[in-house]
């Protein structure tokens, strides 16, 4: 997890969290994500946390790589702006869904391609992201219209009934 502390140097290496063969530079990559978090006013880590939680609470867990989520959202400055978490989370779902499970070229040129998931799972991940993006957008729209009950129903669809 990039938002945690690390005792490792910035030399290229394999970490226990790295997929086999994925070279990383933990300090450099951590600084990259932390800089994006600072630009977002601290909102990026919370949006990432919501997406990671979403992966686990779906009826069937969604095999979306956390490092991929962090690097995609950090690289796109996905949480920058004067927006609430609902709108930022809905936008993050849409952004990831639009990528259709495509690998991200590491912006730091360390890890090569950062896979979203295994190739055979791309369709499943994309379908889950698209559906959740649509529900999240509907929830945001309902909230903007002042329909809090419908917004909660939408977020409960996204988070599989675990949104309170």
N, C-alpha and C. Protein backbone atom coordinates (compact mmCIF):
# COMPACT_ATOMS: atom_id res chain seq x y z
N UNK A 1 0.85 -1.17 0.00
CA UNK A 1 0.00 0.00 0.00
C UNK A 1 0.89 1.22 0.00
N UNK A 2 0.68 2.13 -0.92
CA UNK A 2 1.54 3.29 -1.05
C UNK A 2 1.30 4.35 0.01
N UNK A 3 0.17 4.34 0.68
CA UNK A 3 -0.08 5.39 1.66
C UNK A 3 0.51 5.05 3.01
N UNK A 4 1.08 3.89 3.17
CA UNK A 4 1.71 3.51 4.42
C UNK A 4 3.16 3.97 4.45
N UNK A 5 3.83 3.72 5.55
CA UNK A 5 5.25 4.07 5.65
C UNK A 5 6.09 2.88 5.19
N UNK A 6 7.29 3.19 4.76
CA UNK A 6 8.16 2.14 4.27
C UNK A 6 9.57 2.40 4.79
N UNK A 7 10.30 1.35 5.05
CA UNK A 7 11.68 1.51 5.50
C UNK A 7 12.65 1.24 4.36
N UNK A 8 12.15 1.14 3.17
CA UNK A 8 12.96 0.75 2.01
C UNK A 8 13.54 1.98 1.32
N UNK A 9 14.67 1.83 0.67
CA UNK A 9 15.26 2.90 -0.12
C UNK A 9 14.54 3.05 -1.44
N UNK A 10 14.94 4.05 -2.22
CA UNK A 10 14.27 4.27 -3.49
C UNK A 10 14.92 3.48 -4.62
N UNK A 11 15.88 2.63 -4.30
CA UNK A 11 16.46 1.78 -5.34
C UNK A 11 15.40 0.86 -5.91
N UNK A 12 15.58 0.48 -7.14
CA UNK A 12 14.63 -0.44 -7.77
C UNK A 12 14.72 -1.80 -7.08
N UNK A 13 13.58 -2.38 -6.83
CA UNK A 13 13.58 -3.67 -6.15
C UNK A 13 12.21 -4.33 -6.29
N UNK A 14 12.15 -5.57 -5.87
CA UNK A 14 10.88 -6.27 -5.79
C UNK A 14 10.44 -6.22 -4.33
N UNK A 15 9.18 -5.95 -4.08
CA UNK A 15 8.68 -5.93 -2.72
C UNK A 15 7.77 -7.12 -2.51
N UNK A 16 7.43 -7.37 -1.27
CA UNK A 16 6.54 -8.50 -1.01
C UNK A 16 5.14 -8.24 -1.56
N UNK A 17 4.82 -6.96 -1.85
CA UNK A 17 3.51 -6.61 -2.39
C UNK A 17 3.50 -6.61 -3.92
N UNK A 18 4.67 -6.70 -4.51
CA UNK A 18 4.77 -6.62 -5.96
C UNK A 18 4.30 -7.91 -6.60
N UNK A 19 3.54 -7.80 -7.68
CA UNK A 19 3.27 -9.02 -8.45
C UNK A 19 4.60 -9.57 -8.95
N UNK A 20 4.70 -10.87 -9.17
CA UNK A 20 5.97 -11.45 -9.61
C UNK A 20 6.52 -10.73 -10.83
N UNK A 21 7.78 -10.34 -10.74
CA UNK A 21 8.46 -9.72 -11.87
C UNK A 21 8.21 -8.23 -12.02
N UNK A 22 7.39 -7.62 -11.15
CA UNK A 22 7.12 -6.18 -11.25
C UNK A 22 8.15 -5.43 -10.42
N UNK A 23 9.00 -4.72 -11.08
CA UNK A 23 10.03 -3.93 -10.43
C UNK A 23 9.40 -2.66 -9.88
N UNK A 24 9.77 -2.29 -8.66
CA UNK A 24 9.20 -1.09 -8.05
C UNK A 24 10.29 -0.22 -7.45
N UNK A 25 9.95 1.01 -7.17
CA UNK A 25 10.80 1.93 -6.43
C UNK A 25 9.88 2.54 -5.37
N UNK A 26 9.73 1.86 -4.24
CA UNK A 26 8.70 2.23 -3.27
C UNK A 26 8.70 3.70 -2.86
N UNK A 27 9.86 4.28 -2.55
CA UNK A 27 9.87 5.68 -2.12
C UNK A 27 9.44 6.61 -3.25
N UNK A 28 9.96 6.39 -4.43
CA UNK A 28 9.61 7.26 -5.56
C UNK A 28 8.13 7.15 -5.87
N UNK A 29 7.61 5.94 -5.90
CA UNK A 29 6.20 5.75 -6.21
C UNK A 29 5.31 6.28 -5.07
N UNK A 30 5.76 6.13 -3.85
CA UNK A 30 5.02 6.67 -2.71
C UNK A 30 4.98 8.20 -2.78
N UNK A 31 6.11 8.81 -3.09
CA UNK A 31 6.16 10.28 -3.22
C UNK A 31 5.24 10.76 -4.33
N UNK A 32 5.17 10.02 -5.42
CA UNK A 32 4.31 10.37 -6.55
C UNK A 32 2.84 10.41 -6.11
N UNK A 33 2.42 9.37 -5.41
CA UNK A 33 1.03 9.30 -4.96
C UNK A 33 0.77 10.33 -3.86
N UNK A 34 1.73 10.53 -2.98
CA UNK A 34 1.55 11.52 -1.91
C UNK A 34 1.48 12.94 -2.47
N UNK A 35 2.22 13.22 -3.52
CA UNK A 35 2.13 14.54 -4.16
C UNK A 35 0.73 14.75 -4.75
N UNK A 36 0.19 13.71 -5.37
CA UNK A 36 -1.18 13.80 -5.90
C UNK A 36 -2.18 13.96 -4.76
N UNK A 37 -1.94 13.28 -3.65
CA UNK A 37 -2.82 13.40 -2.48
C UNK A 37 -2.79 14.83 -1.94
N UNK A 38 -1.61 15.43 -1.92
CA UNK A 38 -1.49 16.81 -1.45
C UNK A 38 -2.24 17.76 -2.38
N UNK A 39 -2.10 17.54 -3.70
CA UNK A 39 -2.81 18.40 -4.66
C UNK A 39 -4.33 18.27 -4.51
N UNK A 40 -4.78 17.13 -4.03
CA UNK A 40 -6.22 16.89 -3.86
C UNK A 40 -6.73 17.39 -2.51
N UNK A 41 -5.86 17.95 -1.72
CA UNK A 41 -6.27 18.39 -0.39
C UNK A 41 -6.53 17.22 0.54
N UNK A 42 -5.91 16.09 0.27
CA UNK A 42 -6.06 14.91 1.10
C UNK A 42 -7.23 14.03 0.73
N UNK A 43 -7.93 14.35 -0.34
CA UNK A 43 -9.11 13.56 -0.73
C UNK A 43 -8.75 12.27 -1.47
N UNK A 44 -7.64 12.27 -2.21
CA UNK A 44 -7.27 11.10 -3.00
C UNK A 44 -7.18 9.82 -2.16
N UNK A 45 -6.50 9.84 -1.00
CA UNK A 45 -6.41 8.59 -0.24
C UNK A 45 -7.78 8.03 0.16
N UNK A 46 -8.72 8.90 0.45
CA UNK A 46 -10.06 8.44 0.84
C UNK A 46 -10.82 7.85 -0.36
N UNK A 47 -10.68 8.46 -1.51
CA UNK A 47 -11.34 7.93 -2.71
C UNK A 47 -10.74 6.56 -3.05
N UNK A 48 -9.43 6.45 -2.97
CA UNK A 48 -8.76 5.16 -3.22
C UNK A 48 -9.25 4.12 -2.21
N UNK A 49 -9.36 4.53 -0.95
CA UNK A 49 -9.82 3.63 0.09
C UNK A 49 -11.24 3.13 -0.19
N UNK A 50 -12.11 4.02 -0.66
CA UNK A 50 -13.48 3.62 -1.01
C UNK A 50 -13.47 2.60 -2.15
N UNK A 51 -12.62 2.82 -3.16
CA UNK A 51 -12.55 1.87 -4.28
C UNK A 51 -12.00 0.52 -3.84
N UNK A 52 -11.04 0.54 -2.94
CA UNK A 52 -10.49 -0.73 -2.45
C UNK A 52 -11.54 -1.47 -1.62
N UNK A 53 -12.31 -0.73 -0.85
CA UNK A 53 -13.38 -1.35 -0.07
C UNK A 53 -14.44 -1.92 -1.01
N UNK A 54 -14.78 -1.16 -2.05
CA UNK A 54 -15.76 -1.62 -3.05
C UNK A 54 -15.36 -2.97 -3.63
N UNK A 55 -14.07 -3.14 -3.94
CA UNK A 55 -13.60 -4.40 -4.52
C UNK A 55 -13.96 -5.59 -3.64
N UNK A 56 -13.90 -5.38 -2.33
CA UNK A 56 -14.11 -6.49 -1.41
C UNK A 56 -15.57 -6.74 -1.06
N UNK A 57 -16.41 -5.70 -1.10
CA UNK A 57 -17.80 -5.88 -0.65
C UNK A 57 -18.76 -6.31 -1.75
N UNK A 58 -18.30 -6.34 -2.98
CA UNK A 58 -19.17 -6.82 -4.05
C UNK A 58 -19.53 -8.28 -3.78
N UNK A 59 -20.64 -8.72 -4.35
CA UNK A 59 -21.08 -10.10 -4.14
C UNK A 59 -19.94 -11.06 -4.47
N UNK A 60 -19.29 -10.81 -5.60
CA UNK A 60 -18.05 -11.51 -5.92
C UNK A 60 -16.95 -10.46 -5.92
N UNK A 61 -15.92 -10.68 -5.14
CA UNK A 61 -14.81 -9.74 -5.04
C UNK A 61 -14.29 -9.39 -6.43
N UNK A 62 -13.97 -8.11 -6.65
CA UNK A 62 -13.50 -7.64 -7.95
C UNK A 62 -11.97 -7.65 -7.94
N UNK A 63 -11.34 -8.43 -8.82
CA UNK A 63 -9.88 -8.56 -8.81
C UNK A 63 -9.16 -7.39 -9.49
N UNK A 64 -9.32 -6.20 -8.93
CA UNK A 64 -8.70 -4.99 -9.47
C UNK A 64 -7.49 -4.65 -8.60
N UNK A 65 -6.33 -4.52 -9.22
CA UNK A 65 -5.06 -4.27 -8.55
C UNK A 65 -5.07 -2.91 -7.83
N UNK A 66 -4.78 -2.91 -6.52
CA UNK A 66 -4.77 -1.66 -5.74
C UNK A 66 -3.72 -0.68 -6.23
N UNK A 67 -2.55 -1.18 -6.57
CA UNK A 67 -1.48 -0.31 -7.06
C UNK A 67 -1.93 0.38 -8.34
N UNK A 68 -2.63 -0.35 -9.19
CA UNK A 68 -3.17 0.22 -10.42
C UNK A 68 -4.15 1.35 -10.10
N UNK A 69 -5.06 1.10 -9.16
CA UNK A 69 -6.03 2.13 -8.75
C UNK A 69 -5.30 3.40 -8.31
N UNK A 70 -4.32 3.23 -7.42
CA UNK A 70 -3.59 4.37 -6.89
C UNK A 70 -2.87 5.16 -7.98
N UNK A 71 -2.18 4.44 -8.85
CA UNK A 71 -1.38 5.11 -9.87
C UNK A 71 -2.25 5.78 -10.94
N UNK A 72 -3.36 5.14 -11.33
CA UNK A 72 -4.27 5.75 -12.31
C UNK A 72 -4.86 7.03 -11.76
N UNK A 73 -5.40 6.96 -10.55
CA UNK A 73 -6.06 8.13 -9.97
C UNK A 73 -5.06 9.24 -9.64
N UNK A 74 -3.87 8.86 -9.19
CA UNK A 74 -2.84 9.87 -8.90
C UNK A 74 -2.39 10.54 -10.19
N UNK A 75 -2.18 9.78 -11.23
CA UNK A 75 -1.72 10.32 -12.50
C UNK A 75 -2.72 11.23 -13.17
N UNK A 76 -4.00 10.99 -12.91
CA UNK A 76 -5.05 11.80 -13.54
C UNK A 76 -5.49 12.95 -12.64
N UNK A 77 -4.88 13.07 -11.46
CA UNK A 77 -5.32 14.08 -10.48
C UNK A 77 -6.83 13.98 -10.30
N UNK A 78 -7.29 12.75 -10.11
CA UNK A 78 -8.72 12.45 -10.08
C UNK A 78 -9.46 13.08 -8.92
N UNK A 79 -8.79 13.44 -7.84
CA UNK A 79 -9.48 13.99 -6.69
C UNK A 79 -9.20 15.48 -6.50
N UNK A 80 -8.64 16.12 -7.51
CA UNK A 80 -8.33 17.55 -7.42
C UNK A 80 -9.57 18.36 -7.80
N UNK A 81 -9.85 19.35 -7.02
CA UNK A 81 -10.98 20.22 -7.30
C UNK A 81 -11.88 20.34 -6.09
N UNK A 82 -12.81 21.25 -6.18
CA UNK A 82 -13.72 21.50 -5.08
C UNK A 82 -14.97 20.65 -5.29
N UNK A 83 -14.85 19.37 -4.96
CA UNK A 83 -15.94 18.42 -5.12
C UNK A 83 -16.04 17.57 -3.87
N UNK A 84 -17.21 17.06 -3.61
CA UNK A 84 -17.41 16.15 -2.49
C UNK A 84 -16.94 14.76 -2.85
N UNK A 85 -16.86 13.92 -1.83
CA UNK A 85 -16.40 12.55 -2.05
C UNK A 85 -17.31 11.77 -2.97
N UNK A 86 -18.60 12.03 -2.92
CA UNK A 86 -19.54 11.29 -3.78
C UNK A 86 -19.21 11.53 -5.25
N UNK A 87 -19.05 12.79 -5.61
CA UNK A 87 -18.77 13.13 -7.00
C UNK A 87 -17.39 12.59 -7.42
N UNK A 88 -16.41 12.72 -6.53
CA UNK A 88 -15.05 12.24 -6.84
C UNK A 88 -15.03 10.71 -6.99
N UNK A 89 -15.78 10.02 -6.14
CA UNK A 89 -15.82 8.56 -6.22
C UNK A 89 -16.52 8.11 -7.50
N UNK A 90 -17.62 8.77 -7.84
CA UNK A 90 -18.32 8.44 -9.09
C UNK A 90 -17.41 8.68 -10.29
N UNK A 91 -16.67 9.78 -10.27
CA UNK A 91 -15.74 10.09 -11.37
C UNK A 91 -14.62 9.05 -11.44
N UNK A 92 -14.14 8.60 -10.28
CA UNK A 92 -13.08 7.58 -10.26
C UNK A 92 -13.58 6.26 -10.86
N UNK A 93 -14.81 5.87 -10.51
CA UNK A 93 -15.39 4.66 -11.11
C UNK A 93 -15.46 4.81 -12.63
N UNK A 94 -15.93 5.96 -13.11
CA UNK A 94 -16.06 6.19 -14.55
C UNK A 94 -14.68 6.15 -15.22
N UNK A 95 -13.70 6.79 -14.60
CA UNK A 95 -12.36 6.82 -15.17
C UNK A 95 -11.79 5.41 -15.30
N UNK A 96 -11.92 4.61 -14.26
CA UNK A 96 -11.41 3.25 -14.31
C UNK A 96 -12.21 2.39 -15.29
N UNK A 97 -13.53 2.59 -15.34
CA UNK A 97 -14.36 1.83 -16.28
C UNK A 97 -13.98 2.16 -17.71
N UNK A 98 -13.72 3.43 -17.99
CA UNK A 98 -13.35 3.85 -19.35
C UNK A 98 -12.02 3.25 -19.81
N UNK A 99 -11.17 2.87 -18.86
CA UNK A 99 -9.89 2.25 -19.21
C UNK A 99 -10.08 0.79 -19.64
N UNK A 100 -11.24 0.21 -19.34
CA UNK A 100 -11.57 -1.17 -19.72
C UNK A 100 -10.52 -2.19 -19.30
N UNK A 101 -9.94 -1.99 -18.13
CA UNK A 101 -8.96 -2.95 -17.62
C UNK A 101 -7.61 -2.87 -18.28
N UNK A 102 -7.37 -1.83 -19.06
CA UNK A 102 -6.07 -1.69 -19.73
C UNK A 102 -4.96 -1.41 -18.71
N UNK A 103 -3.80 -1.94 -18.97
CA UNK A 103 -2.64 -1.68 -18.11
C UNK A 103 -2.23 -0.22 -18.23
N UNK A 104 -1.64 0.29 -17.18
CA UNK A 104 -1.15 1.66 -17.13
C UNK A 104 0.37 1.65 -17.31
N UNK A 105 0.85 2.46 -18.21
CA UNK A 105 2.30 2.61 -18.33
C UNK A 105 2.76 3.43 -17.13
N UNK A 106 3.67 2.88 -16.35
CA UNK A 106 4.12 3.54 -15.12
C UNK A 106 4.63 4.94 -15.45
N UNK A 107 4.01 5.98 -14.87
CA UNK A 107 4.44 7.35 -15.17
C UNK A 107 5.86 7.64 -14.70
N UNK A 108 6.39 6.83 -13.79
CA UNK A 108 7.76 7.03 -13.32
C UNK A 108 8.75 6.18 -14.11
N UNK A 109 8.25 5.40 -15.06
CA UNK A 109 9.08 4.54 -15.92
C UNK A 109 9.91 3.55 -15.12
N UNK A 110 9.32 3.03 -14.05
CA UNK A 110 10.01 2.05 -13.21
C UNK A 110 9.43 0.66 -13.45
N UNK A 111 8.12 0.55 -13.34
CA UNK A 111 7.46 -0.75 -13.35
C UNK A 111 6.97 -1.22 -14.70
N UNK A 112 7.25 -0.48 -15.75
CA UNK A 112 6.75 -0.88 -17.06
C UNK A 112 5.25 -0.72 -17.10
N UNK A 113 4.53 -1.80 -17.35
CA UNK A 113 3.07 -1.76 -17.37
C UNK A 113 2.53 -2.23 -16.02
N UNK A 114 1.61 -1.45 -15.48
CA UNK A 114 0.96 -1.81 -14.22
C UNK A 114 -0.40 -2.37 -14.58
N UNK A 115 -0.53 -3.67 -14.44
CA UNK A 115 -1.76 -4.36 -14.84
C UNK A 115 -2.91 -4.02 -13.91
N UNK A 116 -4.10 -3.87 -14.47
CA UNK A 116 -5.31 -3.66 -13.67
C UNK A 116 -5.76 -4.98 -13.06
N UNK A 117 -5.61 -6.04 -13.84
CA UNK A 117 -6.02 -7.38 -13.43
C UNK A 117 -5.40 -8.37 -14.41
N UNK A 118 -5.62 -9.64 -14.18
CA UNK A 118 -5.16 -10.64 -15.15
C UNK A 118 -6.00 -10.52 -16.41
N UNK A 119 -5.42 -10.82 -17.54
CA UNK A 119 -6.11 -10.67 -18.82
C UNK A 119 -7.45 -11.36 -18.87
N UNK A 120 -7.53 -12.56 -18.29
CA UNK A 120 -8.78 -13.30 -18.35
C UNK A 120 -9.88 -12.69 -17.46
N UNK A 121 -9.52 -11.75 -16.59
CA UNK A 121 -10.49 -11.11 -15.70
C UNK A 121 -10.88 -9.71 -16.16
N UNK A 122 -10.28 -9.22 -17.23
CA UNK A 122 -10.54 -7.84 -17.68
C UNK A 122 -12.02 -7.58 -17.94
N UNK A 123 -12.70 -8.50 -18.58
CA UNK A 123 -14.12 -8.33 -18.88
C UNK A 123 -14.96 -8.22 -17.62
N UNK A 124 -14.68 -9.08 -16.65
CA UNK A 124 -15.40 -9.06 -15.38
C UNK A 124 -15.17 -7.75 -14.64
N UNK A 125 -13.92 -7.32 -14.58
CA UNK A 125 -13.58 -6.08 -13.89
C UNK A 125 -14.25 -4.89 -14.58
N UNK A 126 -14.17 -4.85 -15.90
CA UNK A 126 -14.77 -3.74 -16.66
C UNK A 126 -16.28 -3.70 -16.45
N UNK A 127 -16.92 -4.85 -16.50
CA UNK A 127 -18.37 -4.91 -16.30
C UNK A 127 -18.75 -4.40 -14.91
N UNK A 128 -18.03 -4.82 -13.89
CA UNK A 128 -18.30 -4.36 -12.52
C UNK A 128 -18.08 -2.86 -12.37
N UNK A 129 -17.00 -2.37 -12.97
CA UNK A 129 -16.72 -0.93 -12.89
C UNK A 129 -17.78 -0.11 -13.62
N UNK A 130 -18.20 -0.58 -14.79
CA UNK A 130 -19.22 0.15 -15.55
C UNK A 130 -20.54 0.21 -14.80
N UNK A 131 -20.95 -0.93 -14.24
CA UNK A 131 -22.21 -0.97 -13.51
C UNK A 131 -22.15 -0.07 -12.29
N UNK A 132 -21.05 -0.16 -11.54
CA UNK A 132 -20.91 0.67 -10.34
C UNK A 132 -20.78 2.15 -10.69
N UNK A 133 -20.14 2.44 -11.81
CA UNK A 133 -20.04 3.84 -12.26
C UNK A 133 -21.42 4.40 -12.58
N UNK A 134 -22.26 3.60 -13.21
CA UNK A 134 -23.63 4.04 -13.54
C UNK A 134 -24.44 4.26 -12.26
N UNK A 135 -24.35 3.33 -11.31
CA UNK A 135 -25.08 3.48 -10.05
C UNK A 135 -24.58 4.69 -9.28
N UNK A 136 -23.25 4.88 -9.26
CA UNK A 136 -22.67 6.01 -8.54
C UNK A 136 -23.13 7.33 -9.16
N UNK A 137 -23.13 7.41 -10.50
CA UNK A 137 -23.59 8.62 -11.18
C UNK A 137 -25.05 8.90 -10.86
N UNK A 138 -25.87 7.85 -10.84
CA UNK A 138 -27.29 8.00 -10.51
C UNK A 138 -27.45 8.48 -9.06
N UNK A 139 -26.62 7.97 -8.16
CA UNK A 139 -26.68 8.39 -6.76
C UNK A 139 -26.30 9.86 -6.62
N UNK A 140 -25.26 10.28 -7.33
CA UNK A 140 -24.85 11.69 -7.30
C UNK A 140 -25.94 12.58 -7.87
N UNK A 141 -26.51 12.16 -8.99
CA UNK A 141 -27.61 12.94 -9.60
C UNK A 141 -28.79 13.06 -8.65
N UNK A 142 -29.14 11.97 -7.99
CA UNK A 142 -30.26 11.99 -7.04
C UNK A 142 -29.96 12.95 -5.89
N UNK A 143 -28.75 12.91 -5.38
CA UNK A 143 -28.36 13.81 -4.28
C UNK A 143 -28.43 15.27 -4.72
N UNK A 144 -27.99 15.53 -5.95
CA UNK A 144 -28.03 16.91 -6.46
C UNK A 144 -29.46 17.41 -6.64
N UNK A 145 -30.39 16.49 -6.89
CA UNK A 145 -31.82 16.86 -7.00
C UNK A 145 -32.47 16.97 -5.63
N UNK A 146 -31.73 16.60 -4.58
CA UNK A 146 -32.27 16.66 -3.23
C UNK A 146 -32.97 15.39 -2.78
N UNK A 147 -32.83 14.32 -3.55
CA UNK A 147 -33.47 13.05 -3.21
C UNK A 147 -32.47 12.15 -2.48
N UNK A 148 -32.32 12.39 -1.18
CA UNK A 148 -31.35 11.66 -0.37
C UNK A 148 -31.65 10.17 -0.31
N UNK A 149 -32.92 9.80 -0.24
CA UNK A 149 -33.28 8.38 -0.17
C UNK A 149 -32.82 7.62 -1.41
N UNK A 150 -33.06 8.20 -2.57
CA UNK A 150 -32.64 7.56 -3.82
C UNK A 150 -31.12 7.52 -3.93
N UNK A 151 -30.46 8.56 -3.43
CA UNK A 151 -28.99 8.57 -3.43
C UNK A 151 -28.45 7.43 -2.57
N UNK A 152 -29.04 7.23 -1.42
CA UNK A 152 -28.59 6.14 -0.53
C UNK A 152 -28.84 4.79 -1.19
N UNK A 153 -29.98 4.65 -1.86
CA UNK A 153 -30.26 3.40 -2.58
C UNK A 153 -29.17 3.16 -3.64
N UNK A 154 -28.80 4.20 -4.37
CA UNK A 154 -27.76 4.08 -5.39
C UNK A 154 -26.42 3.67 -4.80
N UNK A 155 -26.01 4.32 -3.71
CA UNK A 155 -24.73 3.97 -3.09
C UNK A 155 -24.78 2.57 -2.50
N UNK A 156 -25.95 2.15 -2.01
CA UNK A 156 -26.06 0.78 -1.52
C UNK A 156 -25.93 -0.23 -2.65
N UNK A 157 -26.36 0.13 -3.85
CA UNK A 157 -26.14 -0.75 -5.00
C UNK A 157 -24.65 -0.85 -5.30
N UNK A 158 -23.97 0.29 -5.27
CA UNK A 158 -22.53 0.30 -5.54
C UNK A 158 -21.79 -0.56 -4.50
N UNK A 159 -22.10 -0.36 -3.24
CA UNK A 159 -21.37 -1.02 -2.16
C UNK A 159 -22.10 -2.24 -1.60
N UNK A 160 -22.95 -2.84 -2.44
CA UNK A 160 -23.58 -4.13 -2.13
C UNK A 160 -24.32 -4.12 -0.79
N UNK A 161 -25.09 -3.06 -0.56
CA UNK A 161 -25.90 -2.99 0.66
C UNK A 161 -25.14 -2.64 1.91
N UNK A 162 -23.87 -2.24 1.79
CA UNK A 162 -23.06 -1.94 2.97
C UNK A 162 -22.80 -0.45 3.14
N UNK A 163 -23.58 0.35 2.47
CA UNK A 163 -23.45 1.80 2.61
C UNK A 163 -24.46 2.25 3.65
N UNK A 164 -24.01 2.97 4.64
CA UNK A 164 -24.93 3.42 5.69
C UNK A 164 -25.01 4.92 5.75
